[in-house]
Amino acid sequence: MLLVHKIVVRTGVVISFQLIGSDLAKWVPEVTEEILKAEDVNVIQIDWVKGARVAYDNAAANTRVVGAQVAYLIKMLMVSYS
């Protein structure tokens, strides 16, 4: 589910992760918090672990799909909120 609270046009940071293990994305909120302390930016967190839990060749191909989807999301946010 995508939650959009308030979009302000500013620089953006995308954190993309696909961790498999017990500390599933524990570091992502910490990194996000540190980025927001340092700069006034929008942060988008992309968890694509389901796309990475496949055979290596499929996971490698999924990086392109994730990139295209993130690009589309950013484009739609820019069109809708700028």
N, C-alpha and C. Protein backbone atom coordinates (compact mmCIF):
# COMPACT_ATOMS: atom_id res chain seq x y z
N MET A 1 0.84 -1.16 0.00
CA MET A 1 0.00 0.00 0.00
C MET A 1 0.89 1.24 0.00
N LEU A 2 0.55 2.22 -0.80
CA LEU A 2 1.30 3.46 -0.90
C LEU A 2 0.60 4.51 -0.05
N LEU A 3 1.32 5.06 0.89
CA LEU A 3 0.78 6.12 1.73
C LEU A 3 1.44 7.43 1.35
N VAL A 4 0.66 8.38 0.91
CA VAL A 4 1.19 9.69 0.55
C VAL A 4 0.55 10.69 1.51
N HIS A 5 1.36 11.24 2.40
CA HIS A 5 0.84 12.18 3.37
C HIS A 5 0.87 13.59 2.82
N LYS A 6 2.03 14.06 2.51
CA LYS A 6 2.19 15.42 1.97
C LYS A 6 3.42 15.40 1.08
N ILE A 7 3.23 15.78 -0.13
CA ILE A 7 4.34 15.82 -1.07
C ILE A 7 4.78 17.27 -1.23
N VAL A 8 6.02 17.52 -0.95
CA VAL A 8 6.62 18.83 -1.14
C VAL A 8 7.71 18.65 -2.18
N VAL A 9 7.72 19.54 -3.16
CA VAL A 9 8.72 19.42 -4.21
C VAL A 9 10.08 19.78 -3.63
N ARG A 10 10.96 18.81 -3.59
CA ARG A 10 12.32 18.99 -3.11
C ARG A 10 13.15 17.81 -3.61
N THR A 11 14.40 17.83 -3.29
CA THR A 11 15.29 16.74 -3.66
C THR A 11 14.78 15.44 -3.05
N GLY A 12 15.00 14.34 -3.74
CA GLY A 12 14.55 13.05 -3.24
C GLY A 12 15.68 12.06 -3.12
N VAL A 13 15.48 11.11 -2.21
CA VAL A 13 16.42 10.02 -2.00
C VAL A 13 15.63 8.73 -2.08
N VAL A 14 16.12 7.76 -2.83
CA VAL A 14 15.48 6.46 -2.92
C VAL A 14 16.39 5.44 -2.24
N ILE A 15 15.83 4.70 -1.29
CA ILE A 15 16.55 3.62 -0.63
C ILE A 15 15.93 2.33 -1.13
N SER A 16 16.69 1.56 -1.85
CA SER A 16 16.21 0.30 -2.39
C SER A 16 16.93 -0.84 -1.68
N PHE A 17 16.16 -1.80 -1.20
CA PHE A 17 16.77 -2.90 -0.47
C PHE A 17 16.03 -4.20 -0.74
N GLN A 18 16.74 -5.30 -0.61
CA GLN A 18 16.17 -6.62 -0.83
C GLN A 18 16.85 -7.61 0.10
N LEU A 19 16.84 -7.29 1.37
CA LEU A 19 17.53 -8.12 2.34
C LEU A 19 16.78 -9.40 2.61
N ILE A 20 17.52 -10.47 2.72
CA ILE A 20 16.94 -11.75 3.06
C ILE A 20 17.64 -12.22 4.33
N GLY A 21 16.90 -12.33 5.41
CA GLY A 21 17.51 -12.75 6.66
C GLY A 21 16.73 -12.24 7.86
N SER A 22 17.30 -12.43 9.02
CA SER A 22 16.60 -12.10 10.26
C SER A 22 16.48 -10.61 10.51
N ASP A 23 17.44 -9.82 10.07
CA ASP A 23 17.39 -8.37 10.28
C ASP A 23 16.79 -7.67 9.07
N LEU A 24 15.71 -8.20 8.60
CA LEU A 24 15.06 -7.69 7.39
C LEU A 24 14.81 -6.19 7.50
N ALA A 25 15.65 -5.43 6.85
CA ALA A 25 15.50 -3.98 6.71
C ALA A 25 15.54 -3.22 8.02
N LYS A 26 16.18 -3.76 9.04
CA LYS A 26 16.30 -3.05 10.31
C LYS A 26 17.02 -1.72 10.14
N TRP A 27 17.98 -1.67 9.21
CA TRP A 27 18.78 -0.48 9.02
C TRP A 27 18.06 0.61 8.22
N VAL A 28 17.00 0.26 7.49
CA VAL A 28 16.35 1.24 6.61
C VAL A 28 15.77 2.42 7.38
N PRO A 29 14.99 2.22 8.44
CA PRO A 29 14.49 3.38 9.20
C PRO A 29 15.62 4.22 9.80
N GLU A 30 16.69 3.56 10.22
CA GLU A 30 17.82 4.29 10.79
C GLU A 30 18.49 5.17 9.74
N VAL A 31 18.70 4.63 8.55
CA VAL A 31 19.31 5.40 7.47
C VAL A 31 18.38 6.54 7.06
N THR A 32 17.09 6.25 6.97
CA THR A 32 16.12 7.28 6.61
C THR A 32 16.15 8.42 7.61
N GLU A 33 16.17 8.09 8.89
CA GLU A 33 16.21 9.11 9.93
C GLU A 33 17.46 9.98 9.83
N GLU A 34 18.60 9.35 9.58
CA GLU A 34 19.86 10.10 9.46
C GLU A 34 19.85 11.00 8.23
N ILE A 35 19.28 10.52 7.12
CA ILE A 35 19.17 11.35 5.91
C ILE A 35 18.30 12.57 6.20
N LEU A 36 17.17 12.35 6.86
CA LEU A 36 16.25 13.45 7.15
C LEU A 36 16.82 14.43 8.17
N LYS A 37 17.69 13.97 9.06
CA LYS A 37 18.37 14.88 9.97
C LYS A 37 19.34 15.78 9.22
N ALA A 38 19.99 15.22 8.21
CA ALA A 38 21.02 15.94 7.47
C ALA A 38 20.45 16.90 6.43
N GLU A 39 19.32 16.50 5.82
CA GLU A 39 18.76 17.29 4.72
C GLU A 39 17.24 17.27 4.75
N ASP A 40 16.64 18.29 4.17
CA ASP A 40 15.19 18.35 4.02
C ASP A 40 14.85 17.77 2.65
N VAL A 41 14.66 16.46 2.61
CA VAL A 41 14.42 15.75 1.35
C VAL A 41 13.24 14.80 1.50
N ASN A 42 12.71 14.36 0.39
CA ASN A 42 11.73 13.27 0.37
C ASN A 42 12.51 11.96 0.31
N VAL A 43 12.07 10.98 1.08
CA VAL A 43 12.73 9.67 1.08
C VAL A 43 11.69 8.62 0.68
N ILE A 44 12.02 7.83 -0.30
CA ILE A 44 11.18 6.72 -0.74
C ILE A 44 11.92 5.44 -0.43
N GLN A 45 11.27 4.55 0.30
CA GLN A 45 11.87 3.26 0.63
C GLN A 45 11.25 2.18 -0.26
N ILE A 46 12.10 1.45 -0.94
CA ILE A 46 11.64 0.40 -1.86
C ILE A 46 12.12 -0.95 -1.35
N ASP A 47 11.19 -1.78 -0.91
CA ASP A 47 11.51 -3.13 -0.45
C ASP A 47 11.07 -4.10 -1.54
N TRP A 48 12.02 -4.71 -2.19
CA TRP A 48 11.67 -5.66 -3.25
C TRP A 48 12.23 -7.05 -2.98
N VAL A 49 12.14 -7.43 -1.71
CA VAL A 49 12.65 -8.74 -1.31
C VAL A 49 11.97 -9.88 -2.08
N LYS A 50 10.69 -9.74 -2.37
CA LYS A 50 10.00 -10.81 -3.10
C LYS A 50 10.55 -10.96 -4.51
N GLY A 51 11.01 -9.89 -5.08
CA GLY A 51 11.61 -9.96 -6.41
C GLY A 51 13.03 -10.48 -6.40
N ALA A 52 13.64 -10.48 -5.22
CA ALA A 52 15.01 -10.96 -5.09
C ALA A 52 15.09 -12.41 -4.63
N ARG A 53 14.00 -12.95 -4.12
CA ARG A 53 13.99 -14.33 -3.62
C ARG A 53 13.65 -15.32 -4.73
N VAL A 54 14.34 -15.20 -5.81
CA VAL A 54 14.15 -16.10 -6.95
C VAL A 54 15.54 -16.48 -7.45
N ALA A 55 15.59 -17.28 -8.48
CA ALA A 55 16.87 -17.65 -9.06
C ALA A 55 17.65 -16.40 -9.46
N TYR A 56 18.98 -16.50 -9.44
CA TYR A 56 19.83 -15.33 -9.66
C TYR A 56 19.49 -14.60 -10.96
N ASP A 57 19.33 -15.33 -12.06
CA ASP A 57 19.07 -14.66 -13.34
C ASP A 57 17.74 -13.90 -13.31
N ASN A 58 16.74 -14.45 -12.63
CA ASN A 58 15.47 -13.73 -12.49
C ASN A 58 15.61 -12.51 -11.58
N ALA A 59 16.34 -12.67 -10.49
CA ALA A 59 16.55 -11.54 -9.58
C ALA A 59 17.29 -10.41 -10.28
N ALA A 60 18.29 -10.78 -11.08
CA ALA A 60 19.04 -9.76 -11.83
C ALA A 60 18.12 -9.03 -12.80
N ALA A 61 17.25 -9.77 -13.47
CA ALA A 61 16.30 -9.14 -14.40
C ALA A 61 15.30 -8.26 -13.64
N ASN A 62 14.96 -8.67 -12.43
CA ASN A 62 14.01 -7.89 -11.64
C ASN A 62 14.56 -6.53 -11.24
N THR A 63 15.87 -6.36 -11.20
CA THR A 63 16.42 -5.04 -10.87
C THR A 63 15.97 -4.01 -11.90
N ARG A 64 15.90 -4.44 -13.14
CA ARG A 64 15.44 -3.53 -14.21
C ARG A 64 13.96 -3.19 -14.03
N VAL A 65 13.16 -4.19 -13.65
CA VAL A 65 11.74 -3.97 -13.43
C VAL A 65 11.52 -3.01 -12.26
N VAL A 66 12.23 -3.23 -11.17
CA VAL A 66 12.11 -2.36 -10.00
C VAL A 66 12.51 -0.93 -10.36
N GLY A 67 13.59 -0.79 -11.09
CA GLY A 67 14.03 0.54 -11.52
C GLY A 67 12.98 1.25 -12.35
N ALA A 68 12.36 0.52 -13.27
CA ALA A 68 11.32 1.10 -14.13
C ALA A 68 10.09 1.49 -13.29
N GLN A 69 9.73 0.66 -12.33
CA GLN A 69 8.58 0.97 -11.49
C GLN A 69 8.84 2.18 -10.60
N VAL A 70 10.04 2.29 -10.06
CA VAL A 70 10.39 3.45 -9.24
C VAL A 70 10.38 4.71 -10.10
N ALA A 71 10.93 4.62 -11.29
CA ALA A 71 10.93 5.78 -12.20
C ALA A 71 9.50 6.22 -12.51
N TYR A 72 8.62 5.25 -12.75
CA TYR A 72 7.21 5.57 -13.02
C TYR A 72 6.55 6.22 -11.80
N LEU A 73 6.80 5.68 -10.62
CA LEU A 73 6.25 6.26 -9.40
C LEU A 73 6.68 7.71 -9.24
N ILE A 74 7.97 7.96 -9.40
CA ILE A 74 8.48 9.33 -9.25
C ILE A 74 7.88 10.26 -10.29
N LYS A 75 7.77 9.77 -11.51
CA LYS A 75 7.17 10.58 -12.58
C LYS A 75 5.72 10.92 -12.23
N MET A 76 4.95 9.94 -11.75
CA MET A 76 3.56 10.19 -11.41
C MET A 76 3.43 11.15 -10.23
N LEU A 77 4.31 11.04 -9.24
CA LEU A 77 4.30 11.97 -8.13
C LEU A 77 4.61 13.38 -8.60
N MET A 78 5.58 13.49 -9.51
CA MET A 78 5.94 14.82 -10.04
C MET A 78 4.78 15.44 -10.82
N VAL A 79 4.10 14.63 -11.62
CA VAL A 79 2.97 15.12 -12.41
C VAL A 79 1.81 15.52 -11.49
N SER A 80 1.55 14.70 -10.50
CA SER A 80 0.39 14.92 -9.64
C SER A 80 0.58 16.03 -8.62
N TYR A 81 1.82 16.24 -8.16
CA TYR A 81 2.04 17.14 -7.03
C TYR A 81 2.93 18.32 -7.32
N SER A 82 3.31 18.55 -8.56
CA SER A 82 4.16 19.71 -8.82
C SER A 82 3.40 20.79 -9.56
